[in-house]
């Protein structure tokens, strides 16, 4: 059977593209190397709890078009992301807000908090931040940097903060209010029934084959379609011929606990360097669970190696230059559309992935229905 589009990857980018192509009257085949759909947003039910198998995903957006789009396929609850930082048993509110500043310094007013941050920034002698450490101290002062940012970030990225680009921390929320909603987004929540159900709804009526490795069967699969939407790693597509792009990966240790409540919050970040995991997720709190048991996942950050799942592109100067070379190669692949986090070597929030896929669909074809 001949298809108009072969979509490689059943994550958000692939699912959105497939849905729009199908609605435009195109013949579409979606394949995925994994044994399931939904990519890294995949959720599986354990003890009646929707477990985020590849790490916590909280949908948030200010994009009205994207919000209306995802609500076609799922109803979202009212979950608000308010993580907690645990530094050697001391608990602090995230994002950094007046609760954080009061606990750290005993300040009560926004003026006192701002003065304390400015005092520490001046003491550090920072005028124009050139790396993540300097950017963080400029934003929140040295005390908060040392306790709540440095250890966590260096575990997350496997590099000293002084060697990390400052843009990583530039979007860190800092508020001189008591607002502890991490995301400054108009719309936020978790799809009821889990992300897997939402993606399944997107792919309704589309032919999907899981457990199929595109790169191992490339010639055969290319022959069945006019166009290929490729959402895998761009360097893998080209056989790593220019070198390997770097990623951070994550390993999870998941436990079922015979108790209704482990930590009282969906996410607790462990910000000291000595604790080997970066955070613990208690999945039931994403959906206000009342189950008699609970499921937790400890997350361990690691350098990506062949065979691991790539999570976070390391968008430093060296890797950005290498990606640009792969991007030039990709321009010669007229039949292939490269998209998504791995295909574009870009850290994407979920709403941005969906917006990018919709934009490409608008460029690729005009819907006839």
Protein backbone atom coordinates (compact mmCIF):
# COMPACT_ATOMS: atom_id res chain seq x y z
CA UNK A 1 0.00 0.00 0.00
CA UNK A 2 1.29 3.46 -0.89
CA UNK A 3 1.03 6.26 1.66
CA UNK A 4 1.26 10.00 1.23
CA UNK A 5 3.15 10.32 4.53
CA UNK A 6 5.18 7.99 6.68
CA UNK A 7 5.42 9.53 10.16
CA UNK A 8 8.39 8.26 12.15
CA UNK A 9 7.61 8.67 15.84
CA UNK A 10 4.24 8.58 17.60
CA UNK A 11 5.03 11.37 20.05
CA UNK A 12 3.31 14.75 20.06
CA UNK A 13 4.86 16.11 16.85
CA UNK A 14 4.16 12.93 14.92
CA UNK A 15 0.65 12.51 16.30
CA UNK A 16 -0.36 16.09 15.48
CA UNK A 17 1.07 15.86 11.97
CA UNK A 18 -0.67 12.53 11.38
CA UNK A 19 -4.00 13.89 12.62
CA UNK A 20 -3.84 16.94 10.38
CA UNK A 21 -2.69 14.92 7.38
CA UNK A 22 -5.51 12.42 7.88
CA UNK A 23 -8.05 15.23 8.16
CA UNK A 24 -6.65 16.69 4.94
CA UNK A 25 -7.49 13.46 3.14
CA UNK A 26 -3.97 12.04 3.08
CA UNK A 27 -3.00 8.39 3.55
CA UNK A 28 -0.79 8.17 6.62
CA UNK A 29 1.25 5.47 8.33
CA UNK A 30 2.74 6.16 11.78
CA UNK A 31 5.53 3.96 13.11
CA UNK A 32 7.43 4.02 16.40
CA UNK A 33 10.50 2.14 17.59
CA UNK A 34 9.02 1.74 21.05
CA UNK A 35 6.23 -0.74 21.81
CA UNK A 36 3.78 2.09 22.53
CA UNK A 37 2.53 5.43 21.24
CA UNK A 38 2.90 8.88 22.88
CA UNK A 39 6.69 9.10 22.97
CA UNK A 40 8.08 10.64 26.16
CA UNK A 41 4.64 11.79 27.33
CA UNK A 42 3.54 8.13 27.58
CA UNK A 43 1.57 7.31 30.73
CA UNK A 44 0.69 3.83 31.95
CA UNK A 45 -1.81 2.89 34.63
CA UNK A 46 -0.35 1.36 37.80
CA UNK A 47 -2.58 0.77 40.84
CA UNK A 48 -5.17 3.03 39.23
CA UNK A 49 -2.60 5.85 38.90
CA UNK A 50 -1.44 7.29 35.56
CA UNK A 51 2.33 7.01 35.86
CA UNK A 52 4.47 9.34 33.72
CA UNK A 53 6.92 6.67 32.55
CA UNK A 54 9.47 9.06 31.04
CA UNK A 55 9.29 11.82 33.62
CA UNK A 56 6.76 14.42 34.67
CA UNK A 57 4.93 16.30 31.93
CA UNK A 58 2.69 19.22 32.91
CA UNK A 59 0.90 20.87 30.02
CA UNK A 60 1.07 24.67 30.12
CA UNK A 61 0.65 27.31 27.45
CA UNK A 62 -0.32 30.87 26.64
CA UNK A 63 -1.10 29.86 23.07
CA UNK A 64 -4.89 29.98 22.65
CA UNK A 65 -4.79 28.05 19.38
CA UNK A 66 -2.75 25.20 20.90
CA UNK A 67 -4.97 25.07 24.01
CA UNK A 68 -8.11 24.78 21.91
CA UNK A 69 -6.40 22.13 19.79
CA UNK A 70 -5.42 19.80 22.66
CA UNK A 71 -8.88 20.19 24.21
CA UNK A 72 -10.27 18.47 21.12
CA UNK A 73 -8.59 15.28 22.32
CA UNK A 74 -8.66 15.50 26.12
CA UNK A 75 -10.28 17.20 29.05
CA UNK A 76 -7.69 18.83 31.30
CA UNK A 77 -7.84 19.03 35.08
CA UNK A 78 -6.84 22.06 37.15
CA UNK A 79 -3.39 20.82 38.27
CA UNK A 80 -1.00 23.67 39.13
CA UNK A 81 2.72 22.96 39.24
CA UNK A 82 4.10 24.02 42.62
CA UNK A 83 7.24 21.97 43.25
CA UNK A 84 9.11 21.87 46.55
CA UNK A 85 12.88 22.06 47.00
CA UNK A 86 14.47 19.80 49.61
CA UNK A 87 17.94 20.91 50.72
CA UNK A 88 19.25 18.50 53.35
CA UNK A 89 15.80 18.29 54.92
CA UNK A 90 15.02 22.01 54.64
CA UNK A 91 11.95 22.58 52.45
CA UNK A 92 11.59 25.62 50.21
CA UNK A 93 8.91 26.81 47.81
CA UNK A 94 9.53 26.73 44.07
CA UNK A 95 9.42 28.86 42.03
CA UNK A 96 11.42 31.36 44.03
CA UNK A 97 8.89 33.64 45.67
CA UNK A 98 8.21 35.38 48.98
CA UNK A 99 7.73 32.05 50.76
CA UNK A 100 11.25 31.08 49.61
CA UNK A 101 12.78 34.40 50.60
CA UNK A 102 11.11 34.38 54.01
CA UNK A 103 12.36 30.86 54.76
CA UNK A 104 15.88 31.67 53.51
CA UNK A 105 16.40 35.12 55.05
CA UNK A 106 13.46 35.86 57.36
CA UNK A 107 12.42 38.81 55.19
CA UNK A 108 8.74 39.76 55.19
CA UNK A 109 8.29 42.44 52.53
CA UNK A 110 9.12 42.44 48.81
CA UNK A 111 11.39 45.44 49.38
CA UNK A 112 13.45 43.48 51.92
CA UNK A 113 13.72 40.51 49.57
CA UNK A 114 14.79 42.67 46.61
CA UNK A 115 17.37 44.46 48.77
CA UNK A 116 18.85 41.14 49.92
CA UNK A 117 19.17 39.87 46.34
CA UNK A 118 20.78 43.14 45.22
CA UNK A 119 23.19 43.08 48.17
CA UNK A 120 24.38 39.58 47.25
CA UNK A 121 24.59 40.37 43.55
CA UNK A 122 26.82 43.37 44.28
CA UNK A 123 28.96 41.36 46.68
CA UNK A 124 29.57 38.83 43.88
CA UNK A 125 30.73 41.66 41.60
CA UNK A 126 28.52 40.58 38.69
CA UNK A 127 27.59 43.22 36.12
CA UNK A 128 27.06 41.26 32.89
CA UNK A 129 26.45 37.53 33.55
CA UNK A 130 28.44 35.27 31.23
CA UNK A 131 27.45 31.83 32.49
CA UNK A 132 24.70 30.03 34.42
CA UNK A 133 26.26 30.63 37.84
CA UNK A 134 26.55 34.38 37.33
CA UNK A 135 23.06 34.56 35.83
CA UNK A 136 21.56 32.70 38.81
CA UNK A 137 23.31 34.88 41.41
CA UNK A 138 22.12 37.98 39.53
CA UNK A 139 18.53 36.72 39.70
CA UNK A 140 18.28 35.38 43.26
CA UNK A 141 21.53 36.01 45.14
CA UNK A 142 24.30 33.70 46.31
CA UNK A 143 22.47 31.99 49.21
CA UNK A 144 19.66 30.65 47.04
CA UNK A 145 22.11 29.80 44.28
CA UNK A 146 24.29 27.71 46.62
CA UNK A 147 21.39 25.89 48.32
CA UNK A 148 18.71 25.54 45.68
CA UNK A 149 20.33 25.84 42.24
CA UNK A 150 23.98 24.77 42.14
CA UNK A 151 23.75 21.15 43.27
CA UNK A 152 20.55 20.39 41.38
CA UNK A 153 21.76 21.96 38.14
CA UNK A 154 25.15 20.26 38.20
CA UNK A 155 23.46 16.89 38.78
CA UNK A 156 21.02 17.63 35.97
CA UNK A 157 23.61 18.65 33.38
CA UNK A 158 26.74 16.83 34.60
CA UNK A 159 28.79 20.01 34.24
CA UNK A 160 29.88 22.84 36.56
CA UNK A 161 27.46 25.77 36.50
CA UNK A 162 30.30 28.04 35.36
CA UNK A 163 30.56 25.95 32.18
CA UNK A 164 26.84 26.08 31.36
CA UNK A 165 25.28 28.82 29.20
CA UNK A 166 23.29 31.42 31.09
CA UNK A 167 20.17 31.02 28.90
CA UNK A 168 19.36 27.73 30.66
CA UNK A 169 18.40 29.66 33.79
CA UNK A 170 17.04 32.83 32.19
CA UNK A 171 13.47 31.56 32.19
CA UNK A 172 13.64 30.66 35.91
CA UNK A 173 10.59 32.24 37.60
CA UNK A 174 11.46 34.73 40.36
CA UNK A 175 8.57 36.54 42.02
CA UNK A 176 8.34 39.12 44.78
CA UNK A 177 4.86 37.80 45.55
CA UNK A 178 3.45 34.73 47.31
CA UNK A 179 2.46 33.13 43.99
CA UNK A 180 3.90 29.60 43.94
CA UNK A 181 2.56 28.59 40.51
CA UNK A 182 5.74 27.58 38.68
CA UNK A 183 4.45 28.34 35.20
CA UNK A 184 3.42 31.82 34.18
CA UNK A 185 0.85 30.37 31.79
CA UNK A 186 -2.78 31.17 31.17
CA UNK A 187 -3.65 27.48 30.65
CA UNK A 188 -2.29 24.58 32.66
CA UNK A 189 -3.26 21.05 33.62
CA UNK A 190 -2.99 17.31 33.06
CA UNK A 191 -5.20 15.44 30.58
CA UNK A 192 -7.74 13.34 32.45
CA UNK A 193 -7.04 9.68 31.74
CA UNK A 194 -3.38 10.39 30.97
CA UNK A 195 -1.38 11.52 27.96
CA UNK A 196 -1.47 8.13 26.28
CA UNK A 197 -5.25 8.39 25.95
CA UNK A 198 -4.93 11.92 24.56
CA UNK A 199 -2.44 10.81 21.89
CA UNK A 200 -4.57 7.75 21.12
CA UNK A 201 -7.47 10.12 20.46
CA UNK A 202 -5.25 12.18 18.14
CA UNK A 203 -4.37 9.04 16.18
CA UNK A 204 -7.92 7.74 15.89
CA UNK A 205 -8.43 6.31 12.39
CA UNK A 206 -4.71 6.52 11.56
CA UNK A 207 -2.73 3.34 10.86
CA UNK A 208 -0.09 2.91 13.59
CA UNK A 209 2.62 0.27 13.91
CA UNK A 210 4.75 0.12 17.07
CA UNK A 211 7.97 -1.79 17.59
CA UNK A 212 9.21 -0.75 14.13
CA UNK A 213 12.70 0.75 13.82
CA UNK A 214 12.78 3.14 10.87
CA UNK A 215 16.55 3.35 10.52
CA UNK A 216 16.91 -0.43 10.47
CA UNK A 217 14.30 -0.72 7.71
CA UNK A 218 14.81 2.61 5.98
CA UNK A 219 14.88 1.57 2.33
CA UNK A 220 11.81 -0.61 2.66
CA UNK A 221 9.83 2.01 4.59
CA UNK A 222 10.86 4.94 2.38
CA UNK A 223 9.51 3.04 -0.60
CA UNK A 224 5.95 2.93 0.79
CA UNK A 225 5.46 6.70 1.05
CA UNK A 226 5.88 9.89 -0.92
CA UNK A 227 7.07 11.91 2.10
CA UNK A 228 8.62 11.04 5.47
CA UNK A 229 8.11 13.01 8.69
CA UNK A 230 11.13 12.10 10.81
CA UNK A 231 11.06 12.93 14.54
CA UNK A 232 14.06 10.84 15.59
CA UNK A 233 17.58 12.10 16.31
CA UNK A 234 18.95 14.01 13.33
CA UNK A 235 22.52 12.77 13.82
CA UNK A 236 21.30 9.15 13.95
CA UNK A 237 19.49 9.69 10.63
CA UNK A 238 22.80 10.54 9.01
CA UNK A 239 24.65 7.69 10.73
CA UNK A 240 26.53 10.14 12.99
CA UNK A 241 28.76 10.92 10.00
CA UNK A 242 29.65 14.41 11.31
CA UNK A 243 29.88 13.38 14.96
CA UNK A 244 27.51 12.66 17.83
CA UNK A 245 25.26 15.36 19.28
CA UNK A 246 25.24 15.37 23.08
CA UNK A 247 22.19 14.81 25.25
CA UNK A 248 21.42 14.33 28.88
CA UNK A 249 19.48 11.20 29.68
CA UNK A 250 17.40 10.23 32.72
CA UNK A 251 17.12 6.94 34.59
CA UNK A 252 14.04 6.22 36.71
CA UNK A 253 13.57 4.06 39.78
CA UNK A 254 9.85 3.55 40.26
CA UNK A 255 8.26 2.03 43.34
CA UNK A 256 4.74 1.11 44.39
CA UNK A 257 4.30 1.98 48.07
CA UNK A 258 1.62 0.51 50.31
CA UNK A 259 0.63 3.89 51.70
CA UNK A 260 -1.67 6.65 50.42
CA UNK A 261 0.84 9.50 50.60
CA UNK A 262 4.65 9.60 50.36
CA UNK A 263 5.62 13.27 50.04
CA UNK A 264 2.38 15.23 49.72
CA UNK A 265 3.33 16.85 46.42
CA UNK A 266 3.74 15.82 42.80
CA UNK A 267 7.38 16.97 42.57
CA UNK A 268 10.10 17.43 45.18
CA UNK A 269 13.53 18.54 43.91
CA UNK A 270 16.60 17.43 45.88
CA UNK A 271 18.98 20.34 45.51
CA UNK A 272 22.04 19.22 47.48
CA UNK A 273 24.90 17.62 45.56
CA UNK A 274 25.15 14.58 47.86
CA UNK A 275 21.66 13.18 47.09
CA UNK A 276 22.15 11.13 43.91
CA UNK A 277 18.69 11.72 42.44
CA UNK A 278 17.49 15.09 41.16
CA UNK A 279 13.85 14.75 42.18
CA UNK A 280 11.10 12.42 43.28
CA UNK A 281 7.76 12.40 41.45
CA UNK A 282 4.63 11.15 43.22
CA UNK A 283 2.36 10.53 40.26
CA UNK A 284 -1.05 10.41 41.93
CA UNK A 285 -0.93 14.11 42.83
CA UNK A 286 -1.02 15.12 39.15
CA UNK A 287 -4.65 13.98 39.23
CA UNK A 288 -5.58 14.58 42.88
CA UNK A 289 -5.52 10.84 43.54
CA UNK A 290 -7.41 9.07 46.31
CA UNK A 291 -5.98 5.60 45.69
CA UNK A 292 -4.97 3.56 48.78
CA UNK A 293 -1.43 3.10 47.37
CA UNK A 294 1.02 5.49 45.77
CA UNK A 295 3.68 5.31 43.04
CA UNK A 296 6.92 7.29 43.19
CA UNK A 297 9.79 7.70 40.72
CA UNK A 298 13.30 8.82 41.59
CA UNK A 299 15.05 10.54 38.69
CA UNK A 300 18.78 10.21 38.06
CA UNK A 301 20.39 12.39 35.41
CA UNK A 302 23.19 10.96 33.27
CA UNK A 303 25.20 11.60 30.13
CA UNK A 304 23.55 10.01 27.11
CA UNK A 305 25.24 7.03 25.47
CA UNK A 306 24.17 4.72 22.67
CA UNK A 307 21.16 2.69 23.75
CA UNK A 308 19.89 5.32 26.21
CA UNK A 309 16.84 7.48 25.61
CA UNK A 310 17.93 11.04 24.75
CA UNK A 311 16.07 13.66 26.79
CA UNK A 312 17.69 17.10 26.92
CA UNK A 313 19.79 18.47 24.04
CA UNK A 314 23.02 20.04 25.33
CA UNK A 315 22.63 23.28 23.39
CA UNK A 316 26.09 24.67 24.10
CA UNK A 317 28.26 26.33 21.45
CA UNK A 318 29.97 23.13 20.30
CA UNK A 319 26.75 21.13 19.86
CA UNK A 320 24.90 24.03 18.28
CA UNK A 321 27.60 24.31 15.60
CA UNK A 322 27.44 20.57 14.96
CA UNK A 323 23.66 20.67 14.66
CA UNK A 324 23.90 23.48 12.12
CA UNK A 325 26.08 21.22 9.97
CA UNK A 326 23.50 18.42 10.20
CA UNK A 327 20.79 20.94 9.36
CA UNK A 328 22.65 21.79 6.14
CA UNK A 329 22.74 18.09 5.29
CA UNK A 330 19.02 17.78 6.00
CA UNK A 331 18.26 20.46 3.41
CA UNK A 332 19.38 17.97 0.78
CA UNK A 333 16.83 15.38 1.89
CA UNK A 334 13.92 16.67 -0.18
CA UNK A 335 11.58 13.85 0.77
CA UNK A 336 12.17 14.18 4.53
CA UNK A 337 10.61 16.59 7.03
CA UNK A 338 12.68 16.84 10.22
CA UNK A 339 10.63 17.85 13.25
CA UNK A 340 10.33 17.71 17.01
CA UNK A 341 12.79 17.79 19.87
CA UNK A 342 15.23 15.26 18.40
CA UNK A 343 14.77 16.09 14.74
CA UNK A 344 15.50 19.76 15.41
CA UNK A 345 17.89 19.22 18.36
CA UNK A 346 15.94 21.70 20.44
CA UNK A 347 14.46 21.73 23.92
CA UNK A 348 10.74 22.08 23.31
CA UNK A 349 7.88 22.50 25.76
CA UNK A 350 4.86 20.44 24.73
CA UNK A 351 2.86 23.39 23.48
CA UNK A 352 5.78 24.52 21.31
CA UNK A 353 6.06 21.04 19.79
CA UNK A 354 2.37 21.13 18.88
CA UNK A 355 2.61 24.68 17.51
CA UNK A 356 5.62 23.70 15.41
CA UNK A 357 3.81 20.66 13.99
CA UNK A 358 0.70 22.69 13.17
CA UNK A 359 2.82 25.35 11.46
CA UNK A 360 4.53 22.72 9.32
CA UNK A 361 1.18 21.18 8.42
CA UNK A 362 -0.01 24.57 7.24
CA UNK A 363 3.04 24.81 4.99
CA UNK A 364 2.77 21.21 3.76
CA UNK A 365 -0.83 20.89 2.66
CA UNK A 366 -4.22 22.56 2.64
CA UNK A 367 -6.92 20.64 4.44
CA UNK A 368 -9.87 19.62 2.31
CA UNK A 369 -12.21 18.96 5.22
